[in-house]
Amino acid sequence: MTKETKELVYCYHCRTHHPREEMRRMVTKTGTRWRCIRSIEATQRGLEAREAYGRQVSEMNKAESKARAQRLNSALQEK
């Protein structure tokens, strides 16, 4: 990895990769995990903001999953 590329770390909360500078280590029941600052701040704003953030992350995950399934389907049809 070169100095120009940022090291990405997986956020267990929103299930995406973020630059390490945007992440914090959180202690959980199973050990220490990385979590993005954005998700931490969203959960501290109250119930409505937390639910809005959760819906946004769910929509992103669904879109990513759908795109992955379409790519896989296209690859299988080409064979």
PDB file of N, CA and C in Angstrom:
ATOM      1  N   MET A   1       0.849  -1.173   0.000  1.00  0.00           N
ATOM      2  CA  MET A   1       0.000   0.000   0.000  1.00  0.00           C
ATOM      3  C   MET A   1       0.894   1.236   0.000  1.00  0.00           C
ATOM      4  N   THR A   2       0.632   2.157  -0.889  1.00  0.00           N
ATOM      5  CA  THR A   2       1.441   3.362  -0.962  1.00  0.00           C
ATOM      6  C   THR A   2       0.947   4.398   0.026  1.00  0.00           C
ATOM      7  N   LYS A   3       1.745   5.439   0.229  1.00  0.00           N
ATOM      8  CA  LYS A   3       1.350   6.501   1.144  1.00  0.00           C
ATOM      9  C   LYS A   3       0.129   7.253   0.638  1.00  0.00           C
ATOM     10  N   GLU A   4      -0.051   7.284  -0.694  1.00  0.00           N
ATOM     11  CA  GLU A   4      -1.164   8.019  -1.287  1.00  0.00           C
ATOM     12  C   GLU A   4      -2.508   7.335  -1.056  1.00  0.00           C
ATOM     13  N   THR A   5      -2.522   6.017  -0.968  1.00  0.00           N
ATOM     14  CA  THR A   5      -3.778   5.310  -0.744  1.00  0.00           C
ATOM     15  C   THR A   5      -4.056   5.223   0.745  1.00  0.00           C
ATOM     16  N   LYS A   6      -5.288   5.448   1.100  1.00  0.00           N
ATOM     17  CA  LYS A   6      -5.662   5.403   2.512  1.00  0.00           C
ATOM     18  C   LYS A   6      -5.954   3.969   2.918  1.00  0.00           C
ATOM     19  N   GLU A   7      -5.568   3.647   4.137  1.00  0.00           N
ATOM     20  CA  GLU A   7      -5.872   2.328   4.655  1.00  0.00           C
ATOM     21  C   GLU A   7      -7.345   2.285   5.043  1.00  0.00           C
ATOM     22  N   LEU A   8      -8.060   1.319   4.502  1.00  0.00           N
ATOM     23  CA  LEU A   8      -9.480   1.183   4.780  1.00  0.00           C
ATOM     24  C   LEU A   8      -9.692   0.159   5.878  1.00  0.00           C
ATOM     25  N   VAL A   9     -10.667   0.454   6.739  1.00  0.00           N
ATOM     26  CA  VAL A   9     -10.998  -0.432   7.849  1.00  0.00           C
ATOM     27  C   VAL A   9     -12.491  -0.717   7.776  1.00  0.00           C
ATOM     28  N   TYR A  10     -12.872  -1.947   8.073  1.00  0.00           N
ATOM     29  CA  TYR A  10     -14.264  -2.374   8.007  1.00  0.00           C
ATOM     30  C   TYR A  10     -15.024  -1.929   9.252  1.00  0.00           C
ATOM     31  N   CYS A  11     -16.169  -1.268   9.047  1.00  0.00           N
ATOM     32  CA  CYS A  11     -17.032  -0.849  10.148  1.00  0.00           C
ATOM     33  C   CYS A  11     -18.078  -1.936  10.388  1.00  0.00           C
ATOM     34  N   TYR A  12     -18.076  -2.500  11.583  1.00  0.00           N
ATOM     35  CA  TYR A  12     -19.015  -3.577  11.877  1.00  0.00           C
ATOM     36  C   TYR A  12     -20.449  -3.076  11.964  1.00  0.00           C
ATOM     37  N   HIS A  13     -20.647  -1.787  12.189  1.00  0.00           N
ATOM     38  CA  HIS A  13     -21.991  -1.244  12.355  1.00  0.00           C
ATOM     39  C   HIS A  13     -22.675  -1.022  11.005  1.00  0.00           C
ATOM     40  N   CYS A  14     -22.007  -0.314  10.092  1.00  0.00           N
ATOM     41  CA  CYS A  14     -22.655  -0.032   8.798  1.00  0.00           C
ATOM     42  C   CYS A  14     -22.171  -0.962   7.685  1.00  0.00           C
ATOM     43  N   ARG A  15     -21.265  -1.864   8.014  1.00  0.00           N
ATOM     44  CA  ARG A  15     -20.799  -2.910   7.098  1.00  0.00           C
ATOM     45  C   ARG A  15     -20.164  -2.382   5.817  1.00  0.00           C
ATOM     46  N   THR A  16     -19.414  -1.316   5.947  1.00  0.00           N
ATOM     47  CA  THR A  16     -18.667  -0.777   4.809  1.00  0.00           C
ATOM     48  C   THR A  16     -17.249  -0.450   5.268  1.00  0.00           C
ATOM     49  N   HIS A  17     -16.384  -0.176   4.308  1.00  0.00           N
ATOM     50  CA  HIS A  17     -15.005   0.191   4.614  1.00  0.00           C
ATOM     51  C   HIS A  17     -14.866   1.707   4.600  1.00  0.00           C
ATOM     52  N   HIS A  18     -14.102   2.228   5.549  1.00  0.00           N
ATOM     53  CA  HIS A  18     -13.852   3.663   5.680  1.00  0.00           C
ATOM     54  C   HIS A  18     -12.354   3.875   5.891  1.00  0.00           C
ATOM     55  N   PRO A  19     -11.850   5.075   5.579  1.00  0.00           N
ATOM     56  CA  PRO A  19     -10.454   5.376   5.933  1.00  0.00           C
ATOM     57  C   PRO A  19     -10.267   5.281   7.443  1.00  0.00           C
ATOM     58  N   ARG A  20      -9.108   4.833   7.862  1.00  0.00           N
ATOM     59  CA  ARG A  20      -8.827   4.626   9.284  1.00  0.00           C
ATOM     60  C   ARG A  20      -9.045   5.895  10.112  1.00  0.00           C
ATOM     61  N   GLU A  21      -8.805   7.075   9.505  1.00  0.00           N
ATOM     62  CA  GLU A  21      -8.978   8.334  10.234  1.00  0.00           C
ATOM     63  C   GLU A  21     -10.428   8.571  10.635  1.00  0.00           C
ATOM     64  N   GLU A  22     -11.364   7.935   9.941  1.00  0.00           N
ATOM     65  CA  GLU A  22     -12.790   8.099  10.218  1.00  0.00           C
ATOM     66  C   GLU A  22     -13.328   7.020  11.152  1.00  0.00           C
ATOM     67  N   MET A  23     -12.438   6.245  11.749  1.00  0.00           N
ATOM     68  CA  MET A  23     -12.846   5.099  12.554  1.00  0.00           C
ATOM     69  C   MET A  23     -12.374   5.238  14.002  1.00  0.00           C
ATOM     70  N   ARG A  24     -13.090   4.543  14.890  1.00  0.00           N
ATOM     71  CA  ARG A  24     -12.711   4.447  16.306  1.00  0.00           C
ATOM     72  C   ARG A  24     -12.876   2.995  16.735  1.00  0.00           C
ATOM     73  N   ARG A  25     -12.034   2.584  17.665  1.00  0.00           N
ATOM     74  CA  ARG A  25     -12.152   1.230  18.217  1.00  0.00           C
ATOM     75  C   ARG A  25     -13.209   1.246  19.307  1.00  0.00           C
ATOM     76  N   MET A  26     -14.105   0.263  19.269  1.00  0.00           N
ATOM     77  CA  MET A  26     -15.169   0.135  20.255  1.00  0.00           C
ATOM     78  C   MET A  26     -15.023  -1.215  20.944  1.00  0.00           C
ATOM     79  N   VAL A  27     -15.239  -1.237  22.243  1.00  0.00           N
ATOM     80  CA  VAL A  27     -15.187  -2.482  23.007  1.00  0.00           C
ATOM     81  C   VAL A  27     -16.583  -3.093  22.974  1.00  0.00           C
ATOM     82  N   THR A  28     -16.674  -4.353  22.543  1.00  0.00           N
ATOM     83  CA  THR A  28     -17.937  -5.081  22.494  1.00  0.00           C
ATOM     84  C   THR A  28     -17.813  -6.343  23.349  1.00  0.00           C
ATOM     85  N   LYS A  29     -18.899  -7.099  23.429  1.00  0.00           N
ATOM     86  CA  LYS A  29     -18.878  -8.353  24.195  1.00  0.00           C
ATOM     87  C   LYS A  29     -17.845  -9.328  23.655  1.00  0.00           C
ATOM     88  N   THR A  30     -17.630  -9.300  22.346  1.00  0.00           N
ATOM     89  CA  THR A  30     -16.728 -10.265  21.724  1.00  0.00           C
ATOM     90  C   THR A  30     -15.316  -9.737  21.538  1.00  0.00           C
ATOM     91  N   GLY A  31     -15.061  -8.517  21.967  1.00  0.00           N
ATOM     92  CA  GLY A  31     -13.720  -7.951  21.828  1.00  0.00           C
ATOM     93  C   GLY A  31     -13.778  -6.531  21.289  1.00  0.00           C
ATOM     94  N   THR A  32     -12.683  -6.107  20.689  1.00  0.00           N
ATOM     95  CA  THR A  32     -12.594  -4.755  20.160  1.00  0.00           C
ATOM     96  C   THR A  32     -12.903  -4.768  18.669  1.00  0.00           C
ATOM     97  N   ARG A  33     -13.730  -3.821  18.235  1.00  0.00           N
ATOM     98  CA  ARG A  33     -14.091  -3.716  16.820  1.00  0.00           C
ATOM     99  C   ARG A  33     -13.977  -2.271  16.369  1.00  0.00           C
ATOM    100  N   TRP A  34     -13.853  -2.092  15.048  1.00  0.00           N
ATOM    101  CA  TRP A  34     -13.803  -0.765  14.464  1.00  0.00           C
ATOM    102  C   TRP A  34     -15.218  -0.301  14.146  1.00  0.00           C
ATOM    103  N   ARG A  35     -15.476   0.996  14.409  1.00  0.00           N
ATOM    104  CA  ARG A  35     -16.770   1.590  14.083  1.00  0.00           C
ATOM    105  C   ARG A  35     -16.530   3.004  13.571  1.00  0.00           C
ATOM    106  N   CYS A  36     -17.247   3.407  12.525  1.00  0.00           N
ATOM    107  CA  CYS A  36     -17.026   4.734  11.946  1.00  0.00           C
ATOM    108  C   CYS A  36     -17.607   5.826  12.844  1.00  0.00           C
ATOM    109  N   ILE A  37     -16.967   6.975  12.812  1.00  0.00           N
ATOM    110  CA  ILE A  37     -17.393   8.112  13.628  1.00  0.00           C
ATOM    111  C   ILE A  37     -18.820   8.517  13.265  1.00  0.00           C
ATOM    112  N   ARG A  38     -19.152   8.463  11.986  1.00  0.00           N
ATOM    113  CA  ARG A  38     -20.492   8.846  11.535  1.00  0.00           C
ATOM    114  C   ARG A  38     -21.574   8.010  12.208  1.00  0.00           C
ATOM    115  N   SER A  39     -21.347   6.709  12.335  1.00  0.00           N
ATOM    116  CA  SER A  39     -22.352   5.850  12.971  1.00  0.00           C
ATOM    117  C   SER A  39     -22.411   6.103  14.477  1.00  0.00           C
ATOM    118  N   ILE A  40     -21.272   6.395  15.078  1.00  0.00           N
ATOM    119  CA  ILE A  40     -21.251   6.696  16.513  1.00  0.00           C
ATOM    120  C   ILE A  40     -22.035   7.968  16.792  1.00  0.00           C
ATOM    121  N   GLU A  41     -21.782   9.002  15.991  1.00  0.00           N
ATOM    122  CA  GLU A  41     -22.490  10.269  16.178  1.00  0.00           C
ATOM    123  C   GLU A  41     -23.983  10.122  15.907  1.00  0.00           C
ATOM    124  N   ALA A  42     -24.334   9.322  14.921  1.00  0.00           N
ATOM    125  CA  ALA A  42     -25.751   9.139  14.583  1.00  0.00           C
ATOM    126  C   ALA A  42     -26.516   8.494  15.733  1.00  0.00           C
ATOM    127  N   THR A  43     -25.887   7.584  16.443  1.00  0.00           N
ATOM    128  CA  THR A  43     -26.581   6.912  17.543  1.00  0.00           C
ATOM    129  C   THR A  43     -26.697   7.800  18.779  1.00  0.00           C
ATOM    130  N   GLN A  44     -25.905   8.850  18.845  1.00  0.00           N
ATOM    131  CA  GLN A  44     -25.933   9.737  20.002  1.00  0.00           C
ATOM    132  C   GLN A  44     -26.907  10.899  19.827  1.00  0.00           C
ATOM    133  N   ARG A  45     -27.500  11.052  18.657  1.00  0.00           N
ATOM    134  CA  ARG A  45     -28.393  12.174  18.382  1.00  0.00           C
ATOM    135  C   ARG A  45     -29.825  11.939  18.804  1.00  0.00           C
ATOM    136  N   GLY A  46     -30.177  10.756  19.173  1.00  0.00           N
ATOM    137  CA  GLY A  46     -31.542  10.462  19.569  1.00  0.00           C
ATOM    138  C   GLY A  46     -32.159   9.401  18.685  1.00  0.00           C
ATOM    139  N   LEU A  47     -33.329   8.964  19.093  1.00  0.00           N
ATOM    140  CA  LEU A  47     -34.003   7.849  18.431  1.00  0.00           C
ATOM    141  C   LEU A  47     -34.327   8.141  16.970  1.00  0.00           C
ATOM    142  N   GLU A  48     -34.871   9.301  16.680  1.00  0.00           N
ATOM    143  CA  GLU A  48     -35.267   9.618  15.303  1.00  0.00           C
ATOM    144  C   GLU A  48     -34.059   9.660  14.365  1.00  0.00           C
ATOM    145  N   ALA A  49     -32.988  10.300  14.790  1.00  0.00           N
ATOM    146  CA  ALA A  49     -31.782  10.367  13.968  1.00  0.00           C
ATOM    147  C   ALA A  49     -31.165   8.984  13.800  1.00  0.00           C
ATOM    148  N   ARG A  50     -31.184   8.188  14.863  1.00  0.00           N
ATOM    149  CA  ARG A  50     -30.624   6.830  14.796  1.00  0.00           C
ATOM    150  C   ARG A  50     -31.411   5.973  13.808  1.00  0.00           C
ATOM    151  N   GLU A  51     -32.730   6.071  13.853  1.00  0.00           N
ATOM    152  CA  GLU A  51     -33.547   5.299  12.922  1.00  0.00           C
ATOM    153  C   GLU A  51     -33.351   5.767  11.481  1.00  0.00           C
ATOM    154  N   ALA A  52     -33.229   7.077  11.287  1.00  0.00           N
ATOM    155  CA  ALA A  52     -32.989   7.607   9.939  1.00  0.00           C
ATOM    156  C   ALA A  52     -31.656   7.104   9.404  1.00  0.00           C
ATOM    157  N   TYR A  53     -30.635   7.102  10.238  1.00  0.00           N
ATOM    158  CA  TYR A  53     -29.326   6.596   9.832  1.00  0.00           C
ATOM    159  C   TYR A  53     -29.417   5.106   9.502  1.00  0.00           C
ATOM    160  N   GLY A  54     -30.122   4.347  10.315  1.00  0.00           N
ATOM    161  CA  GLY A  54     -30.288   2.918  10.065  1.00  0.00           C
ATOM    162  C   GLY A  54     -30.988   2.642   8.742  1.00  0.00           C
ATOM    163  N   ARG A  55     -32.014   3.432   8.445  1.00  0.00           N
ATOM    164  CA  ARG A  55     -32.713   3.266   7.157  1.00  0.00           C
ATOM    165  C   ARG A  55     -31.779   3.577   5.993  1.00  0.00           C
ATOM    166  N   GLN A  56     -30.972   4.624   6.145  1.00  0.00           N
ATOM    167  CA  GLN A  56     -30.035   5.001   5.086  1.00  0.00           C
ATOM    168  C   GLN A  56     -29.013   3.890   4.844  1.00  0.00           C
ATOM    169  N   VAL A  57     -28.468   3.341   5.912  1.00  0.00           N
ATOM    170  CA  VAL A  57     -27.490   2.259   5.779  1.00  0.00           C
ATOM    171  C   VAL A  57     -28.150   1.026   5.161  1.00  0.00           C
ATOM    172  N   SER A  58     -29.375   0.725   5.574  1.00  0.00           N
ATOM    173  CA  SER A  58     -30.088  -0.426   5.002  1.00  0.00           C
ATOM    174  C   SER A  58     -30.312  -0.249   3.506  1.00  0.00           C
ATOM    175  N   GLU A  59     -30.678   0.958   3.081  1.00  0.00           N
ATOM    176  CA  GLU A  59     -30.875   1.219   1.657  1.00  0.00           C
ATOM    177  C   GLU A  59     -29.578   1.046   0.882  1.00  0.00           C
ATOM    178  N   MET A  60     -28.466   1.535   1.443  1.00  0.00           N
ATOM    179  CA  MET A  60     -27.172   1.381   0.773  1.00  0.00           C
ATOM    180  C   MET A  60     -26.809  -0.097   0.664  1.00  0.00           C
ATOM    181  N   ASN A  61     -27.028  -0.862   1.726  1.00  0.00           N
ATOM    182  CA  ASN A  61     -26.708  -2.287   1.710  1.00  0.00           C
ATOM    183  C   ASN A  61     -27.567  -3.045   0.704  1.00  0.00           C
ATOM    184  N   LYS A  62     -28.857  -2.702   0.631  1.00  0.00           N
ATOM    185  CA  LYS A  62     -29.741  -3.352  -0.337  1.00  0.00           C
ATOM    186  C   LYS A  62     -29.315  -3.038  -1.754  1.00  0.00           C
ATOM    187  N   ALA A  63     -28.952  -1.782  -2.032  1.00  0.00           N
ATOM    188  CA  ALA A  63     -28.520  -1.398  -3.372  1.00  0.00           C
ATOM    189  C   ALA A  63     -27.233  -2.126  -3.752  1.00  0.00           C
ATOM    190  N   GLU A  64     -26.305  -2.217  -2.811  1.00  0.00           N
ATOM    191  CA  GLU A  64     -25.051  -2.923  -3.071  1.00  0.00           C
ATOM    192  C   GLU A  64     -25.305  -4.405  -3.328  1.00  0.00           C
ATOM    193  N   SER A  65     -26.181  -4.998  -2.534  1.00  0.00           N
ATOM    194  CA  SER A  65     -26.503  -6.413  -2.697  1.00  0.00           C
ATOM    195  C   SER A  65     -27.180  -6.675  -4.039  1.00  0.00           C
ATOM    196  N   LYS A  66     -28.085  -5.787  -4.418  1.00  0.00           N
ATOM    197  CA  LYS A  66     -28.782  -5.938  -5.699  1.00  0.00           C
ATOM    198  C   LYS A  66     -27.803  -5.820  -6.861  1.00  0.00           C
ATOM    199  N   ALA A  67     -26.890  -4.856  -6.795  1.00  0.00           N
ATOM    200  CA  ALA A  67     -25.897  -4.689  -7.856  1.00  0.00           C
ATOM    201  C   ALA A  67     -24.992  -5.910  -7.955  1.00  0.00           C
ATOM    202  N   ARG A  68     -24.595  -6.454  -6.799  1.00  0.00           N
ATOM    203  CA  ARG A  68     -23.748  -7.646  -6.787  1.00  0.00           C
ATOM    204  C   ARG A  68     -24.487  -8.830  -7.406  1.00  0.00           C
ATOM    205  N   ALA A  69     -25.761  -8.996  -7.073  1.00  0.00           N
ATOM    206  CA  ALA A  69     -26.556 -10.091  -7.627  1.00  0.00           C
ATOM    207  C   ALA A  69     -26.713  -9.941  -9.132  1.00  0.00           C
ATOM    208  N   GLN A  70     -26.910  -8.719  -9.614  1.00  0.00           N
ATOM    209  CA  GLN A  70     -27.043  -8.486 -11.049  1.00  0.00           C
ATOM    210  C   GLN A  70     -25.745  -8.808 -11.775  1.00  0.00           C
ATOM    211  N   ARG A  71     -24.607  -8.417 -11.192  1.00  0.00           N
ATOM    212  CA  ARG A  71     -23.310  -8.746 -11.812  1.00  0.00           C
ATOM    213  C   ARG A  71     -23.110 -10.240 -11.871  1.00  0.00           C
ATOM    214  N   LEU A  72     -23.449 -10.930 -10.793  1.00  0.00           N
ATOM    215  CA  LEU A  72     -23.289 -12.381 -10.741  1.00  0.00           C
ATOM    216  C   LEU A  72     -24.211 -13.048 -11.760  1.00  0.00           C
ATOM    217  N   ASN A  73     -25.441 -12.575 -11.834  1.00  0.00           N
ATOM    218  CA  ASN A  73     -26.404 -13.119 -12.788  1.00  0.00           C
ATOM    219  C   ASN A  73     -25.918 -12.901 -14.222  1.00  0.00           C
ATOM    220  N   SER A  74     -25.387 -11.725 -14.497  1.00  0.00           N
ATOM    221  CA  SER A  74     -24.868 -11.431 -15.847  1.00  0.00           C
ATOM    222  C   SER A  74     -23.697 -12.334 -16.184  1.00  0.00           C
ATOM    223  N   ALA A  75     -22.827 -12.547 -15.228  1.00  0.00           N
ATOM    224  CA  ALA A  75     -21.665 -13.413 -15.446  1.00  0.00           C
ATOM    225  C   ALA A  75     -22.096 -14.853 -15.708  1.00  0.00           C
ATOM    226  N   LEU A  76     -23.111 -15.319 -14.995  1.00  0.00           N
ATOM    227  CA  LEU A  76     -23.591 -16.692 -15.200  1.00  0.00           C
ATOM    228  C   LEU A  76     -24.278 -16.850 -16.548  1.00  0.00           C
ATOM    229  N   GLN A  77     -24.969 -15.826 -17.000  1.00  0.00           N
ATOM    230  CA  GLN A  77     -25.670 -15.890 -18.289  1.00  0.00           C
ATOM    231  C   GLN A  77     -24.692 -15.866 -19.458  1.00  0.00           C
ATOM    232  N   GLU A  78     -23.525 -15.269 -19.260  1.00  0.00           N
ATOM    233  CA  GLU A  78     -22.531 -15.204 -20.320  1.00  0.00           C
ATOM    234  C   GLU A  78     -21.867 -16.561 -20.572  1.00  0.00           C
ATOM    235  N   LYS A  79     -21.926 -17.447 -19.617  1.00  0.00           N
ATOM    236  CA  LYS A  79     -21.272 -18.758 -19.761  1.00  0.00           C
ATOM    237  C   LYS A  79     -22.024 -19.689 -20.639  1.00  0.00           C
TER     238      LYS A  79
END
